[in-house]
Amino acid sequence: MLNTELVCQATGGPCQYQGRDMKNTHNGMRISKAEFDIVAGHLKSTLKKFKVPKQERNELLGIIGSLQKDIVERS
């Protein structure tokens, strides 16, 4: 549910994300860049599967990519 709210709000939808900020949410999870990239790859594949237009896919992936600095703790 929170992922849906986050994506909806980040892309200009009517939703309001009610979760914690990304840094606090992922703090201590020791998420690597490789792990972040895997999840981003799954998102990209899902967007393609559901035929989300390329411009919108790239916009969302850019938004998610900008969160990397708050999520990734190790290289």
PDB file of N, CA and C in Angstrom:
ATOM      1  N   MET A   1       0.813  -1.186   0.000  1.00  0.00           N
ATOM      2  CA  MET A   1       0.000   0.000   0.000  1.00  0.00           C
ATOM      3  C   MET A   1       0.865   1.262   0.000  1.00  0.00           C
ATOM      4  N   LEU A   2       1.892   1.301   0.840  1.00  0.00           N
ATOM      5  CA  LEU A   2       2.732   2.495   0.899  1.00  0.00           C
ATOM      6  C   LEU A   2       3.480   2.721  -0.403  1.00  0.00           C
ATOM      7  N   ASN A   3       3.918   1.631  -1.058  1.00  0.00           N
ATOM      8  CA  ASN A   3       4.595   1.791  -2.348  1.00  0.00           C
ATOM      9  C   ASN A   3       3.662   2.432  -3.363  1.00  0.00           C
ATOM     10  N   THR A   4       2.418   2.001  -3.357  1.00  0.00           N
ATOM     11  CA  THR A   4       1.435   2.566  -4.277  1.00  0.00           C
ATOM     12  C   THR A   4       1.243   4.047  -4.004  1.00  0.00           C
ATOM     13  N   GLU A   5       1.100   4.410  -2.725  1.00  0.00           N
ATOM     14  CA  GLU A   5       0.940   5.821  -2.369  1.00  0.00           C
ATOM     15  C   GLU A   5       2.161   6.638  -2.787  1.00  0.00           C
ATOM     16  N   LEU A   6       3.350   6.088  -2.549  1.00  0.00           N
ATOM     17  CA  LEU A   6       4.577   6.794  -2.901  1.00  0.00           C
ATOM     18  C   LEU A   6       4.640   7.069  -4.396  1.00  0.00           C
ATOM     19  N   VAL A   7       4.391   6.043  -5.207  1.00  0.00           N
ATOM     20  CA  VAL A   7       4.445   6.202  -6.665  1.00  0.00           C
ATOM     21  C   VAL A   7       3.347   7.151  -7.134  1.00  0.00           C
ATOM     22  N   CYS A   8       2.173   7.001  -6.582  1.00  0.00           N
ATOM     23  CA  CYS A   8       1.050   7.862  -6.972  1.00  0.00           C
ATOM     24  C   CYS A   8       1.362   9.332  -6.680  1.00  0.00           C
ATOM     25  N   GLN A   9       1.839   9.618  -5.483  1.00  0.00           N
ATOM     26  CA  GLN A   9       2.160  11.007  -5.122  1.00  0.00           C
ATOM     27  C   GLN A   9       3.326  11.536  -5.954  1.00  0.00           C
ATOM     28  N   ALA A  10       4.372  10.721  -6.112  1.00  0.00           N
ATOM     29  CA  ALA A  10       5.577  11.159  -6.822  1.00  0.00           C
ATOM     30  C   ALA A  10       5.304  11.486  -8.286  1.00  0.00           C
ATOM     31  N   THR A  11       4.291  10.847  -8.847  1.00  0.00           N
ATOM     32  CA  THR A  11       3.987  11.079 -10.256  1.00  0.00           C
ATOM     33  C   THR A  11       2.833  12.070 -10.452  1.00  0.00           C
ATOM     34  N   GLY A  12       2.483  12.772  -9.376  1.00  0.00           N
ATOM     35  CA  GLY A  12       1.485  13.827  -9.505  1.00  0.00           C
ATOM     36  C   GLY A  12       0.053  13.389  -9.298  1.00  0.00           C
ATOM     37  N   GLY A  13      -0.141  12.156  -8.829  1.00  0.00           N
ATOM     38  CA  GLY A  13      -1.496  11.665  -8.595  1.00  0.00           C
ATOM     39  C   GLY A  13      -2.122  12.262  -7.353  1.00  0.00           C
ATOM     40  N   PRO A  14      -3.344  11.874  -7.087  1.00  0.00           N
ATOM     41  CA  PRO A  14      -4.064  12.462  -5.960  1.00  0.00           C
ATOM     42  C   PRO A  14      -3.701  11.857  -4.598  1.00  0.00           C
ATOM     43  N   CYS A  15      -2.878  10.820  -4.574  1.00  0.00           N
ATOM     44  CA  CYS A  15      -2.551  10.126  -3.320  1.00  0.00           C
ATOM     45  C   CYS A  15      -1.624  10.963  -2.450  1.00  0.00           C
ATOM     46  N   GLN A  16      -1.695  10.712  -1.165  1.00  0.00           N
ATOM     47  CA  GLN A  16      -0.779  11.309  -0.207  1.00  0.00           C
ATOM     48  C   GLN A  16      -0.005  10.184   0.464  1.00  0.00           C
ATOM     49  N   TYR A  17       1.311  10.170   0.292  1.00  0.00           N
ATOM     50  CA  TYR A  17       2.163   9.157   0.917  1.00  0.00           C
ATOM     51  C   TYR A  17       2.154   9.365   2.422  1.00  0.00           C
ATOM     52  N   GLN A  18       1.803   8.323   3.159  1.00  0.00           N
ATOM     53  CA  GLN A  18       1.680   8.412   4.617  1.00  0.00           C
ATOM     54  C   GLN A  18       2.841   7.752   5.356  1.00  0.00           C
ATOM     55  N   GLY A  19       3.809   7.205   4.625  1.00  0.00           N
ATOM     56  CA  GLY A  19       4.912   6.489   5.248  1.00  0.00           C
ATOM     57  C   GLY A  19       6.040   7.398   5.714  1.00  0.00           C
ATOM     58  N   ARG A  20       7.041   6.761   6.304  1.00  0.00           N
ATOM     59  CA  ARG A  20       8.224   7.493   6.753  1.00  0.00           C
ATOM     60  C   ARG A  20       9.079   7.872   5.547  1.00  0.00           C
ATOM     61  N   ASP A  21      10.022   8.784   5.756  1.00  0.00           N
ATOM     62  CA  ASP A  21      10.922   9.157   4.671  1.00  0.00           C
ATOM     63  C   ASP A  21      11.844   7.974   4.349  1.00  0.00           C
ATOM     64  N   MET A  22      12.407   7.993   3.165  1.00  0.00           N
ATOM     65  CA  MET A  22      13.197   6.860   2.676  1.00  0.00           C
ATOM     66  C   MET A  22      14.427   6.576   3.542  1.00  0.00           C
ATOM     67  N   LYS A  23      15.077   7.616   4.000  1.00  0.00           N
ATOM     68  CA  LYS A  23      16.291   7.428   4.796  1.00  0.00           C
ATOM     69  C   LYS A  23      15.986   6.675   6.090  1.00  0.00           C
ATOM     70  N   ASN A  24      14.974   7.106   6.822  1.00  0.00           N
ATOM     71  CA  ASN A  24      14.613   6.442   8.069  1.00  0.00           C
ATOM     72  C   ASN A  24      14.025   5.056   7.836  1.00  0.00           C
ATOM     73  N   THR A  25      13.274   4.901   6.776  1.00  0.00           N
ATOM     74  CA  THR A  25      12.666   3.608   6.476  1.00  0.00           C
ATOM     75  C   THR A  25      13.725   2.543   6.210  1.00  0.00           C
ATOM     76  N   HIS A  26      14.797   2.899   5.501  1.00  0.00           N
ATOM     77  CA  HIS A  26      15.797   1.921   5.085  1.00  0.00           C
ATOM     78  C   HIS A  26      17.061   1.921   5.946  1.00  0.00           C
ATOM     79  N   ASN A  27      17.121   2.799   6.927  1.00  0.00           N
ATOM     80  CA  ASN A  27      18.295   2.893   7.786  1.00  0.00           C
ATOM     81  C   ASN A  27      18.579   1.556   8.478  1.00  0.00           C
ATOM     82  N   GLY A  28      19.824   1.119   8.388  1.00  0.00           N
ATOM     83  CA  GLY A  28      20.240  -0.112   9.034  1.00  0.00           C
ATOM     84  C   GLY A  28      19.975  -1.374   8.235  1.00  0.00           C
ATOM     85  N   MET A  29      19.346  -1.268   7.085  1.00  0.00           N
ATOM     86  CA  MET A  29      19.044  -2.442   6.268  1.00  0.00           C
ATOM     87  C   MET A  29      20.242  -2.886   5.425  1.00  0.00           C
ATOM     88  N   ARG A  30      21.261  -2.036   5.375  1.00  0.00           N
ATOM     89  CA  ARG A  30      22.489  -2.338   4.625  1.00  0.00           C
ATOM     90  C   ARG A  30      22.210  -2.727   3.169  1.00  0.00           C
ATOM     91  N   ILE A  31      21.339  -1.986   2.541  1.00  0.00           N
ATOM     92  CA  ILE A  31      20.990  -2.232   1.142  1.00  0.00           C
ATOM     93  C   ILE A  31      22.137  -1.777   0.261  1.00  0.00           C
ATOM     94  N   SER A  32      22.531  -2.650  -0.652  1.00  0.00           N
ATOM     95  CA  SER A  32      23.628  -2.335  -1.574  1.00  0.00           C
ATOM     96  C   SER A  32      23.081  -1.710  -2.857  1.00  0.00           C
ATOM     97  N   LYS A  33      23.972  -1.092  -3.613  1.00  0.00           N
ATOM     98  CA  LYS A  33      23.592  -0.536  -4.911  1.00  0.00           C
ATOM     99  C   LYS A  33      23.084  -1.637  -5.825  1.00  0.00           C
ATOM    100  N   ALA A  34      23.737  -2.795  -5.780  1.00  0.00           N
ATOM    101  CA  ALA A  34      23.309  -3.924  -6.615  1.00  0.00           C
ATOM    102  C   ALA A  34      21.874  -4.346  -6.266  1.00  0.00           C
ATOM    103  N   GLU A  35      21.564  -4.374  -4.982  1.00  0.00           N
ATOM    104  CA  GLU A  35      20.199  -4.736  -4.566  1.00  0.00           C
ATOM    105  C   GLU A  35      19.194  -3.673  -5.004  1.00  0.00           C
ATOM    106  N   PHE A  36      19.572  -2.419  -4.866  1.00  0.00           N
ATOM    107  CA  PHE A  36      18.716  -1.331  -5.324  1.00  0.00           C
ATOM    108  C   PHE A  36      18.459  -1.477  -6.828  1.00  0.00           C
ATOM    109  N   ASP A  37      19.505  -1.762  -7.582  1.00  0.00           N
ATOM    110  CA  ASP A  37      19.377  -1.905  -9.035  1.00  0.00           C
ATOM    111  C   ASP A  37      18.480  -3.078  -9.426  1.00  0.00           C
ATOM    112  N   ILE A  38      18.508  -4.143  -8.650  1.00  0.00           N
ATOM    113  CA  ILE A  38      17.633  -5.295  -8.919  1.00  0.00           C
ATOM    114  C   ILE A  38      16.171  -4.882  -8.780  1.00  0.00           C
ATOM    115  N   VAL A  39      15.864  -4.196  -7.696  1.00  0.00           N
ATOM    116  CA  VAL A  39      14.480  -3.756  -7.478  1.00  0.00           C
ATOM    117  C   VAL A  39      14.055  -2.777  -8.571  1.00  0.00           C
ATOM    118  N   ALA A  40      14.925  -1.855  -8.934  1.00  0.00           N
ATOM    119  CA  ALA A  40      14.618  -0.911 -10.016  1.00  0.00           C
ATOM    120  C   ALA A  40      14.390  -1.664 -11.331  1.00  0.00           C
ATOM    121  N   GLY A  41      15.163  -2.717 -11.553  1.00  0.00           N
ATOM    122  CA  GLY A  41      14.986  -3.533 -12.756  1.00  0.00           C
ATOM    123  C   GLY A  41      13.637  -4.236 -12.778  1.00  0.00           C
ATOM    124  N   HIS A  42      13.202  -4.719 -11.624  1.00  0.00           N
ATOM    125  CA  HIS A  42      11.871  -5.338 -11.532  1.00  0.00           C
ATOM    126  C   HIS A  42      10.780  -4.316 -11.841  1.00  0.00           C
ATOM    127  N   LEU A  43      10.946  -3.107 -11.311  1.00  0.00           N
ATOM    128  CA  LEU A  43       9.979  -2.052 -11.589  1.00  0.00           C
ATOM    129  C   LEU A  43       9.943  -1.746 -13.083  1.00  0.00           C
ATOM    130  N   LYS A  44      11.109  -1.631 -13.689  1.00  0.00           N
ATOM    131  CA  LYS A  44      11.188  -1.338 -15.128  1.00  0.00           C
ATOM    132  C   LYS A  44      10.484  -2.430 -15.941  1.00  0.00           C
ATOM    133  N   SER A  45      10.732  -3.688 -15.596  1.00  0.00           N
ATOM    134  CA  SER A  45      10.091  -4.805 -16.304  1.00  0.00           C
ATOM    135  C   SER A  45       8.579  -4.775 -16.142  1.00  0.00           C
ATOM    136  N   THR A  46       8.124  -4.464 -14.936  1.00  0.00           N
ATOM    137  CA  THR A  46       6.685  -4.406 -14.672  1.00  0.00           C
ATOM    138  C   THR A  46       6.034  -3.292 -15.480  1.00  0.00           C
ATOM    139  N   LEU A  47       6.675  -2.135 -15.529  1.00  0.00           N
ATOM    140  CA  LEU A  47       6.130  -1.026 -16.301  1.00  0.00           C
ATOM    141  C   LEU A  47       6.046  -1.379 -17.786  1.00  0.00           C
ATOM    142  N   LYS A  48       7.066  -2.074 -18.293  1.00  0.00           N
ATOM    143  CA  LYS A  48       7.045  -2.505 -19.702  1.00  0.00           C
ATOM    144  C   LYS A  48       5.930  -3.518 -19.933  1.00  0.00           C
ATOM    145  N   LYS A  49       5.806  -4.484 -19.006  1.00  0.00           N
ATOM    146  CA  LYS A  49       4.780  -5.529 -19.133  1.00  0.00           C
ATOM    147  C   LYS A  49       3.388  -4.916 -19.263  1.00  0.00           C
ATOM    148  N   PHE A  50       3.140  -3.859 -18.505  1.00  0.00           N
ATOM    149  CA  PHE A  50       1.825  -3.228 -18.540  1.00  0.00           C
ATOM    150  C   PHE A  50       1.748  -2.073 -19.532  1.00  0.00           C
ATOM    151  N   LYS A  51       2.757  -2.031 -20.423  1.00  0.00           N
ATOM    152  CA  LYS A  51       2.767  -1.096 -21.548  1.00  0.00           C
ATOM    153  C   LYS A  51       2.653   0.374 -21.134  1.00  0.00           C
ATOM    154  N   VAL A  52       3.310   0.721 -20.040  1.00  0.00           N
ATOM    155  CA  VAL A  52       3.386   2.129 -19.640  1.00  0.00           C
ATOM    156  C   VAL A  52       4.279   2.821 -20.664  1.00  0.00           C
ATOM    157  N   PRO A  53       3.833   3.925 -21.232  1.00  0.00           N
ATOM    158  CA  PRO A  53       4.631   4.606 -22.255  1.00  0.00           C
ATOM    159  C   PRO A  53       6.039   4.949 -21.760  1.00  0.00           C
ATOM    160  N   LYS A  54       6.976   4.944 -22.692  1.00  0.00           N
ATOM    161  CA  LYS A  54       8.388   5.138 -22.364  1.00  0.00           C
ATOM    162  C   LYS A  54       8.642   6.421 -21.582  1.00  0.00           C
ATOM    163  N   GLN A  55       8.030   7.514 -21.974  1.00  0.00           N
ATOM    164  CA  GLN A  55       8.256   8.790 -21.287  1.00  0.00           C
ATOM    165  C   GLN A  55       7.854   8.681 -19.813  1.00  0.00           C
ATOM    166  N   GLU A  56       6.699   8.087 -19.544  1.00  0.00           N
ATOM    167  CA  GLU A  56       6.237   7.935 -18.170  1.00  0.00           C
ATOM    168  C   GLU A  56       7.113   6.951 -17.393  1.00  0.00           C
ATOM    169  N   ARG A  57       7.533   5.875 -18.063  1.00  0.00           N
ATOM    170  CA  ARG A  57       8.450   4.915 -17.419  1.00  0.00           C
ATOM    171  C   ARG A  57       9.723   5.623 -16.989  1.00  0.00           C
ATOM    172  N   ASN A  58      10.314   6.379 -17.909  1.00  0.00           N
ATOM    173  CA  ASN A  58      11.564   7.073 -17.612  1.00  0.00           C
ATOM    174  C   ASN A  58      11.388   8.105 -16.500  1.00  0.00           C
ATOM    175  N   GLU A  59      10.249   8.770 -16.485  1.00  0.00           N
ATOM    176  CA  GLU A  59       9.976   9.753 -15.433  1.00  0.00           C
ATOM    177  C   GLU A  59       9.938   9.067 -14.063  1.00  0.00           C
ATOM    178  N   LEU A  60       9.207   7.973 -13.974  1.00  0.00           N
ATOM    179  CA  LEU A  60       9.104   7.264 -12.698  1.00  0.00           C
ATOM    180  C   LEU A  60      10.444   6.672 -12.280  1.00  0.00           C
ATOM    181  N   LEU A  61      11.159   6.071 -13.212  1.00  0.00           N
ATOM    182  CA  LEU A  61      12.467   5.500 -12.881  1.00  0.00           C
ATOM    183  C   LEU A  61      13.436   6.592 -12.428  1.00  0.00           C
ATOM    184  N   GLY A  62      13.323   7.774 -12.999  1.00  0.00           N
ATOM    185  CA  GLY A  62      14.152   8.895 -12.551  1.00  0.00           C
ATOM    186  C   GLY A  62      13.821   9.314 -11.130  1.00  0.00           C
ATOM    187  N   ILE A  63      12.534   9.327 -10.817  1.00  0.00           N
ATOM    188  CA  ILE A  63      12.101   9.676  -9.465  1.00  0.00           C
ATOM    189  C   ILE A  63      12.626   8.645  -8.471  1.00  0.00           C
ATOM    190  N   ILE A  64      12.457   7.375  -8.801  1.00  0.00           N
ATOM    191  CA  ILE A  64      12.926   6.303  -7.913  1.00  0.00           C
ATOM    192  C   ILE A  64      14.454   6.360  -7.797  1.00  0.00           C
ATOM    193  N   GLY A  65      15.132   6.598  -8.909  1.00  0.00           N
ATOM    194  CA  GLY A  65      16.593   6.703  -8.892  1.00  0.00           C
ATOM    195  C   GLY A  65      17.084   7.814  -7.981  1.00  0.00           C
ATOM    196  N   SER A  66      16.315   8.891  -7.902  1.00  0.00           N
ATOM    197  CA  SER A  66      16.729  10.004  -7.045  1.00  0.00           C
ATOM    198  C   SER A  66      16.663   9.642  -5.558  1.00  0.00           C
ATOM    199  N   LEU A  67      15.977   8.572  -5.225  1.00  0.00           N
ATOM    200  CA  LEU A  67      15.871   8.121  -3.832  1.00  0.00           C
ATOM    201  C   LEU A  67      17.041   7.230  -3.419  1.00  0.00           C
ATOM    202  N   GLN A  68      17.853   6.835  -4.390  1.00  0.00           N
ATOM    203  CA  GLN A  68      18.953   5.900  -4.125  1.00  0.00           C
ATOM    204  C   GLN A  68      19.858   6.385  -3.003  1.00  0.00           C
ATOM    205  N   LYS A  69      20.158   7.657  -2.963  1.00  0.00           N
ATOM    206  CA  LYS A  69      21.082   8.193  -1.941  1.00  0.00           C
ATOM    207  C   LYS A  69      20.551   8.004  -0.532  1.00  0.00           C
ATOM    208  N   ASP A  70      19.231   7.906  -0.401  1.00  0.00           N
ATOM    209  CA  ASP A  70      18.626   7.714   0.923  1.00  0.00           C
ATOM    210  C   ASP A  70      18.383   6.246   1.261  1.00  0.00           C
ATOM    211  N   ILE A  71      18.528   5.375   0.291  1.00  0.00           N
ATOM    212  CA  ILE A  71      18.228   3.953   0.479  1.00  0.00           C
ATOM    213  C   ILE A  71      19.487   3.105   0.570  1.00  0.00           C
ATOM    214  N   VAL A  72      20.451   3.368  -0.323  1.00  0.00           N
ATOM    215  CA  VAL A  72      21.665   2.545  -0.404  1.00  0.00           C
ATOM    216  C   VAL A  72      22.645   2.947   0.707  1.00  0.00           C
ATOM    217  N   GLU A  73      23.111   1.938   1.459  1.00  0.00           N
ATOM    218  CA  GLU A  73      24.060   2.196   2.548  1.00  0.00           C
ATOM    219  C   GLU A  73      25.446   1.608   2.285  1.00  0.00           C
ATOM    220  N   ARG A  74      25.540   0.711   1.322  1.00  0.00           N
ATOM    221  CA  ARG A  74      26.852   0.099   1.063  1.00  0.00           C
ATOM    222  C   ARG A  74      27.019  -0.106  -0.438  1.00  0.00           C
ATOM    223  N   SER A  75      28.274  -0.084  -0.868  1.00  0.00           N
ATOM    224  CA  SER A  75      28.542  -0.251  -2.305  1.00  0.00           C
ATOM    225  C   SER A  75      28.786  -1.693  -2.658  1.00  0.00           C
TER     226      SER A  75
END
